[in-house]
């Protein structure tokens, strides 16, 4: 009984203890998904298509957008309660992020939001055929050589870890959606 009372007495102290802050986060810009739709799911499908279809990322604007989406997913999915069904895919996303940052010359310790914002800004400029504007959209804090990053976007090498992580995440999302649909359709017992 005394042990229980002592434990109960500590509850207010434990409840006020500082929580371990979550890791860094990132959000997608408003133009990530035009119209109705879940931006996170759209990002999953975008990276799965882009990194697993030869030629899909030949357009540097599309490559920048796919890279931004992968950065967002690798940062946000591990903390998103809607995606707790992801298991080893979370680790794969972290590896993909490292591979992609290396390929594009992004600083390994760059703030994820700077990366997402920079790559989306570069994508917009590249769609407008403004290469100088694309380089200006890339913050030197995240992109030490912005012009080199723009050039790399135009000629991405094969990224096997990124492709595998994108596919695995898409498959997990599809499995989850099928399971939800089947559970809604099955009669209550």
C-alpha atoms as a PDB file:
ATOM      1  CA  UNK A   1       0.000   0.000   0.000  1.00  0.00           C
ATOM      2  CA  UNK A   2       2.815   2.411   0.872  1.00  0.00           C
ATOM      3  CA  UNK A   3       4.506   1.645  -2.414  1.00  0.00           C
ATOM      4  CA  UNK A   4       1.302   2.455  -4.288  1.00  0.00           C
ATOM      5  CA  UNK A   5       0.876   5.727  -2.384  1.00  0.00           C
ATOM      6  CA  UNK A   6       4.497   6.657  -3.055  1.00  0.00           C
ATOM      7  CA  UNK A   7       4.046   5.927  -6.756  1.00  0.00           C
ATOM      8  CA  UNK A   8       0.868   7.997  -6.871  1.00  0.00           C
ATOM      9  CA  UNK A   9       2.622  10.869  -5.102  1.00  0.00           C
ATOM     10  CA  UNK A  10       5.262  10.922  -7.859  1.00  0.00           C
ATOM     11  CA  UNK A  11       2.745  11.119 -10.699  1.00  0.00           C
ATOM     12  CA  UNK A  12       2.472  14.926 -10.694  1.00  0.00           C
ATOM     13  CA  UNK A  13       6.256  15.214 -10.761  1.00  0.00           C
ATOM     14  CA  UNK A  14       6.601  12.743 -13.626  1.00  0.00           C
ATOM     15  CA  UNK A  15       3.732  14.375 -15.506  1.00  0.00           C
ATOM     16  CA  UNK A  16       5.538  17.711 -15.387  1.00  0.00           C
ATOM     17  CA  UNK A  17       8.858  16.292 -16.530  1.00  0.00           C
ATOM     18  CA  UNK A  18       9.985  17.610 -19.874  1.00  0.00           C
ATOM     19  CA  UNK A  19       9.105  15.329 -22.740  1.00  0.00           C
ATOM     20  CA  UNK A  20      11.770  14.253 -25.145  1.00  0.00           C
ATOM     21  CA  UNK A  21      11.226  16.528 -28.091  1.00  0.00           C
ATOM     22  CA  UNK A  22      10.438  14.802 -31.351  1.00  0.00           C
ATOM     23  CA  UNK A  23      13.001  14.883 -34.090  1.00  0.00           C
ATOM     24  CA  UNK A  24      13.051  17.601 -36.706  1.00  0.00           C
ATOM     25  CA  UNK A  25       9.903  18.012 -38.726  1.00  0.00           C
ATOM     26  CA  UNK A  26       8.996  19.336 -42.117  1.00  0.00           C
ATOM     27  CA  UNK A  27       5.836  20.306 -43.916  1.00  0.00           C
ATOM     28  CA  UNK A  28       5.015  20.400 -47.580  1.00  0.00           C
ATOM     29  CA  UNK A  29       4.154  23.682 -49.270  1.00  0.00           C
ATOM     30  CA  UNK A  30       0.583  24.500 -50.254  1.00  0.00           C
ATOM     31  CA  UNK A  31       1.227  23.596 -53.888  1.00  0.00           C
ATOM     32  CA  UNK A  32       2.420  20.077 -53.054  1.00  0.00           C
ATOM     33  CA  UNK A  33      -1.054  18.764 -53.875  1.00  0.00           C
ATOM     34  CA  UNK A  34      -3.401  20.768 -56.028  1.00  0.00           C
ATOM     35  CA  UNK A  35      -7.047  20.079 -55.259  1.00  0.00           C
ATOM     36  CA  UNK A  36      -8.352  17.621 -52.708  1.00  0.00           C
ATOM     37  CA  UNK A  37      -5.964  15.025 -51.413  1.00  0.00           C
ATOM     38  CA  UNK A  38      -3.667  13.990 -48.653  1.00  0.00           C
ATOM     39  CA  UNK A  39      -0.243  15.576 -49.257  1.00  0.00           C
ATOM     40  CA  UNK A  40       1.582  12.758 -47.470  1.00  0.00           C
ATOM     41  CA  UNK A  41      -0.038  10.043 -49.550  1.00  0.00           C
ATOM     42  CA  UNK A  42       0.572  12.084 -52.691  1.00  0.00           C
ATOM     43  CA  UNK A  43       4.248  12.379 -51.713  1.00  0.00           C
ATOM     44  CA  UNK A  44       4.471   8.604 -51.218  1.00  0.00           C
ATOM     45  CA  UNK A  45       3.043   7.934 -54.679  1.00  0.00           C
ATOM     46  CA  UNK A  46       5.212  10.659 -56.221  1.00  0.00           C
ATOM     47  CA  UNK A  47       8.477   9.217 -54.922  1.00  0.00           C
ATOM     48  CA  UNK A  48       7.489   5.632 -55.707  1.00  0.00           C
ATOM     49  CA  UNK A  49       6.714   6.551 -59.305  1.00  0.00           C
ATOM     50  CA  UNK A  50       9.642   8.911 -59.755  1.00  0.00           C
ATOM     51  CA  UNK A  51      12.427   6.803 -58.339  1.00  0.00           C
ATOM     52  CA  UNK A  52      11.220   3.532 -59.875  1.00  0.00           C
ATOM     53  CA  UNK A  53      10.461   4.542 -63.463  1.00  0.00           C
ATOM     54  CA  UNK A  54      13.382   5.151 -65.791  1.00  0.00           C
ATOM     55  CA  UNK A  55      13.129   8.582 -67.270  1.00  0.00           C
ATOM     56  CA  UNK A  56      10.534   9.885 -64.820  1.00  0.00           C
ATOM     57  CA  UNK A  57      13.102  12.196 -63.260  1.00  0.00           C
ATOM     58  CA  UNK A  58      14.854  13.352 -66.416  1.00  0.00           C
ATOM     59  CA  UNK A  59      13.061  16.642 -65.935  1.00  0.00           C
ATOM     60  CA  UNK A  60      15.050  18.456 -63.225  1.00  0.00           C
ATOM     61  CA  UNK A  61      11.875  20.124 -61.911  1.00  0.00           C
ATOM     62  CA  UNK A  62      10.307  16.689 -61.350  1.00  0.00           C
ATOM     63  CA  UNK A  63      13.546  15.460 -59.776  1.00  0.00           C
ATOM     64  CA  UNK A  64      13.589  18.407 -57.356  1.00  0.00           C
ATOM     65  CA  UNK A  65       9.979  17.782 -56.366  1.00  0.00           C
ATOM     66  CA  UNK A  66      10.561  14.048 -55.845  1.00  0.00           C
ATOM     67  CA  UNK A  67      13.684  14.760 -53.776  1.00  0.00           C
ATOM     68  CA  UNK A  68      11.736  17.259 -51.641  1.00  0.00           C
ATOM     69  CA  UNK A  69       8.976  14.714 -51.128  1.00  0.00           C
ATOM     70  CA  UNK A  70      11.480  12.050 -50.053  1.00  0.00           C
ATOM     71  CA  UNK A  71      13.049  14.480 -47.581  1.00  0.00           C
ATOM     72  CA  UNK A  72       9.596  15.247 -46.194  1.00  0.00           C
ATOM     73  CA  UNK A  73       8.664  11.553 -45.905  1.00  0.00           C
ATOM     74  CA  UNK A  74      11.935  10.548 -44.240  1.00  0.00           C
ATOM     75  CA  UNK A  75      11.505  13.338 -41.711  1.00  0.00           C
ATOM     76  CA  UNK A  76       7.781  13.221 -41.067  1.00  0.00           C
ATOM     77  CA  UNK A  77       6.566   9.625 -41.369  1.00  0.00           C
ATOM     78  CA  UNK A  78       8.441   8.336 -38.308  1.00  0.00           C
ATOM     79  CA  UNK A  79       6.544  10.909 -36.203  1.00  0.00           C
ATOM     80  CA  UNK A  80       3.141  10.759 -37.926  1.00  0.00           C
ATOM     81  CA  UNK A  81       0.622   8.748 -35.867  1.00  0.00           C
ATOM     82  CA  UNK A  82      -1.310   7.920 -39.046  1.00  0.00           C
ATOM     83  CA  UNK A  83       1.656   5.908 -40.300  1.00  0.00           C
ATOM     84  CA  UNK A  84       2.494   3.754 -37.287  1.00  0.00           C
ATOM     85  CA  UNK A  85       1.935   0.702 -39.503  1.00  0.00           C
ATOM     86  CA  UNK A  86       5.300   1.395 -41.137  1.00  0.00           C
ATOM     87  CA  UNK A  87       8.009  -0.839 -39.761  1.00  0.00           C
ATOM     88  CA  UNK A  88      11.344  -1.324 -41.504  1.00  0.00           C
ATOM     89  CA  UNK A  89      10.294   1.239 -44.096  1.00  0.00           C
ATOM     90  CA  UNK A  90      11.161   3.995 -41.618  1.00  0.00           C
ATOM     91  CA  UNK A  91      14.777   2.825 -41.534  1.00  0.00           C
ATOM     92  CA  UNK A  92      14.785   2.518 -45.316  1.00  0.00           C
ATOM     93  CA  UNK A  93      13.536   6.096 -45.616  1.00  0.00           C
ATOM     94  CA  UNK A  94      16.420   7.324 -43.456  1.00  0.00           C
ATOM     95  CA  UNK A  95      18.904   5.489 -45.702  1.00  0.00           C
ATOM     96  CA  UNK A  96      17.209   6.879 -48.799  1.00  0.00           C
ATOM     97  CA  UNK A  97      17.434  10.380 -47.409  1.00  0.00           C
ATOM     98  CA  UNK A  98      21.173   9.989 -46.788  1.00  0.00           C
ATOM     99  CA  UNK A  99      21.711   8.582 -50.291  1.00  0.00           C
ATOM    100  CA  UNK A 100      19.708  11.364 -51.898  1.00  0.00           C
ATOM    101  CA  UNK A 101      21.413  14.100 -49.887  1.00  0.00           C
ATOM    102  CA  UNK A 102      24.782  12.717 -50.954  1.00  0.00           C
ATOM    103  CA  UNK A 103      23.768  12.576 -54.612  1.00  0.00           C
ATOM    104  CA  UNK A 104      22.479  16.158 -54.606  1.00  0.00           C
ATOM    105  CA  UNK A 105      25.222  17.693 -52.470  1.00  0.00           C
ATOM    106  CA  UNK A 106      22.903  18.541 -49.583  1.00  0.00           C
ATOM    107  CA  UNK A 107      24.592  19.058 -46.211  1.00  0.00           C
ATOM    108  CA  UNK A 108      24.110  15.950 -44.059  1.00  0.00           C
ATOM    109  CA  UNK A 109      23.038  18.068 -41.071  1.00  0.00           C
ATOM    110  CA  UNK A 110      20.754  20.405 -43.033  1.00  0.00           C
ATOM    111  CA  UNK A 111      17.424  21.377 -41.530  1.00  0.00           C
ATOM    112  CA  UNK A 112      14.767  19.257 -43.292  1.00  0.00           C
ATOM    113  CA  UNK A 113      12.414  22.204 -43.781  1.00  0.00           C
ATOM    114  CA  UNK A 114      15.167  24.182 -45.526  1.00  0.00           C
ATOM    115  CA  UNK A 115      15.711  21.216 -47.828  1.00  0.00           C
ATOM    116  CA  UNK A 116      12.005  20.791 -48.642  1.00  0.00           C
ATOM    117  CA  UNK A 117      11.455  24.508 -49.182  1.00  0.00           C
ATOM    118  CA  UNK A 118      14.604  24.870 -51.266  1.00  0.00           C
ATOM    119  CA  UNK A 119      13.838  21.935 -53.523  1.00  0.00           C
ATOM    120  CA  UNK A 120      10.234  23.016 -54.071  1.00  0.00           C
ATOM    121  CA  UNK A 121      11.453  26.532 -54.854  1.00  0.00           C
ATOM    122  CA  UNK A 122      14.012  25.138 -57.285  1.00  0.00           C
ATOM    123  CA  UNK A 123      11.319  22.980 -58.885  1.00  0.00           C
ATOM    124  CA  UNK A 124       9.100  26.015 -59.474  1.00  0.00           C
ATOM    125  CA  UNK A 125      11.999  27.986 -60.991  1.00  0.00           C
ATOM    126  CA  UNK A 126      13.044  25.056 -63.180  1.00  0.00           C
ATOM    127  CA  UNK A 127       9.488  24.683 -64.498  1.00  0.00           C
ATOM    128  CA  UNK A 128       9.730  28.352 -65.469  1.00  0.00           C
ATOM    129  CA  UNK A 129      13.095  27.575 -67.140  1.00  0.00           C
ATOM    130  CA  UNK A 130      14.931  29.832 -64.697  1.00  0.00           C
ATOM    131  CA  UNK A 131      18.139  28.008 -63.772  1.00  0.00           C
ATOM    132  CA  UNK A 132      19.568  31.005 -61.907  1.00  0.00           C
ATOM    133  CA  UNK A 133      16.327  31.290 -59.913  1.00  0.00           C
ATOM    134  CA  UNK A 134      16.547  27.585 -59.089  1.00  0.00           C
ATOM    135  CA  UNK A 135      20.021  28.049 -57.627  1.00  0.00           C
ATOM    136  CA  UNK A 136      18.837  31.108 -55.679  1.00  0.00           C
ATOM    137  CA  UNK A 137      15.994  29.078 -54.161  1.00  0.00           C
ATOM    138  CA  UNK A 138      18.539  26.737 -52.543  1.00  0.00           C
ATOM    139  CA  UNK A 139      19.761  28.069 -49.206  1.00  0.00           C
ATOM    140  CA  UNK A 140      23.554  27.744 -48.831  1.00  0.00           C
ATOM    141  CA  UNK A 141      22.928  26.517 -45.265  1.00  0.00           C
ATOM    142  CA  UNK A 142      21.464  23.313 -46.722  1.00  0.00           C
ATOM    143  CA  UNK A 143      22.953  23.377 -50.221  1.00  0.00           C
ATOM    144  CA  UNK A 144      26.636  24.393 -49.985  1.00  0.00           C
ATOM    145  CA  UNK A 145      26.932  24.568 -53.786  1.00  0.00           C
ATOM    146  CA  UNK A 146      23.487  25.528 -55.101  1.00  0.00           C
ATOM    147  CA  UNK A 147      24.485  25.655 -58.779  1.00  0.00           C
ATOM    148  CA  UNK A 148      26.015  22.175 -58.533  1.00  0.00           C
ATOM    149  CA  UNK A 149      22.811  20.867 -56.952  1.00  0.00           C
ATOM    150  CA  UNK A 150      20.771  22.259 -59.863  1.00  0.00           C
ATOM    151  CA  UNK A 151      23.133  20.502 -62.287  1.00  0.00           C
ATOM    152  CA  UNK A 152      22.806  17.244 -60.341  1.00  0.00           C
ATOM    153  CA  UNK A 153      19.016  17.476 -60.501  1.00  0.00           C
ATOM    154  CA  UNK A 154      19.340  17.385 -64.290  1.00  0.00           C
ATOM    155  CA  UNK A 155      21.319  14.131 -64.202  1.00  0.00           C
ATOM    156  CA  UNK A 156      20.430  12.056 -61.145  1.00  0.00           C
ATOM    157  CA  UNK A 157      22.418   8.835 -60.911  1.00  0.00           C
ATOM    158  CA  UNK A 158      20.668   5.561 -60.038  1.00  0.00           C
ATOM    159  CA  UNK A 159      19.596   5.694 -56.388  1.00  0.00           C
ATOM    160  CA  UNK A 160      18.865   2.089 -55.379  1.00  0.00           C
ATOM    161  CA  UNK A 161      18.256   2.759 -51.670  1.00  0.00           C
ATOM    162  CA  UNK A 162      15.884   5.594 -52.508  1.00  0.00           C
ATOM    163  CA  UNK A 163      14.000   3.494 -55.063  1.00  0.00           C
ATOM    164  CA  UNK A 164      13.681   0.566 -52.640  1.00  0.00           C
ATOM    165  CA  UNK A 165      12.458   2.768 -49.786  1.00  0.00           C
ATOM    166  CA  UNK A 166       9.932   4.504 -52.039  1.00  0.00           C
ATOM    167  CA  UNK A 167       8.539   1.174 -53.268  1.00  0.00           C
ATOM    168  CA  UNK A 168       8.386  -0.366 -49.801  1.00  0.00           C
ATOM    169  CA  UNK A 169       6.567   2.652 -48.376  1.00  0.00           C
ATOM    170  CA  UNK A 170       4.064   2.653 -51.236  1.00  0.00           C
ATOM    171  CA  UNK A 171       3.391  -1.089 -50.778  1.00  0.00           C
ATOM    172  CA  UNK A 172       2.830  -0.616 -47.042  1.00  0.00           C
ATOM    173  CA  UNK A 173       0.422   2.242 -47.681  1.00  0.00           C
ATOM    174  CA  UNK A 174      -1.499   0.195 -50.236  1.00  0.00           C
ATOM    175  CA  UNK A 175      -1.664  -2.803 -47.871  1.00  0.00           C
ATOM    176  CA  UNK A 176      -2.978  -0.562 -45.106  1.00  0.00           C
ATOM    177  CA  UNK A 177      -5.621   0.915 -47.399  1.00  0.00           C
ATOM    178  CA  UNK A 178      -6.746  -2.551 -48.529  1.00  0.00           C
ATOM    179  CA  UNK A 179      -6.908  -3.777 -44.924  1.00  0.00           C
ATOM    180  CA  UNK A 180      -9.027  -0.775 -43.931  1.00  0.00           C
ATOM    181  CA  UNK A 181     -11.374  -1.280 -46.843  1.00  0.00           C
ATOM    182  CA  UNK A 182     -11.766  -4.979 -46.081  1.00  0.00           C
ATOM    183  CA  UNK A 183     -12.441  -4.318 -42.399  1.00  0.00           C
ATOM    184  CA  UNK A 184     -15.209  -1.856 -43.351  1.00  0.00           C
ATOM    185  CA  UNK A 185     -16.769  -4.370 -45.720  1.00  0.00           C
ATOM    186  CA  UNK A 186     -16.621  -7.411 -43.455  1.00  0.00           C
ATOM    187  CA  UNK A 187     -19.811  -8.015 -41.458  1.00  0.00           C
ATOM    188  CA  UNK A 188     -19.692  -7.412 -37.719  1.00  0.00           C
ATOM    189  CA  UNK A 189     -19.668 -10.595 -35.692  1.00  0.00           C
END
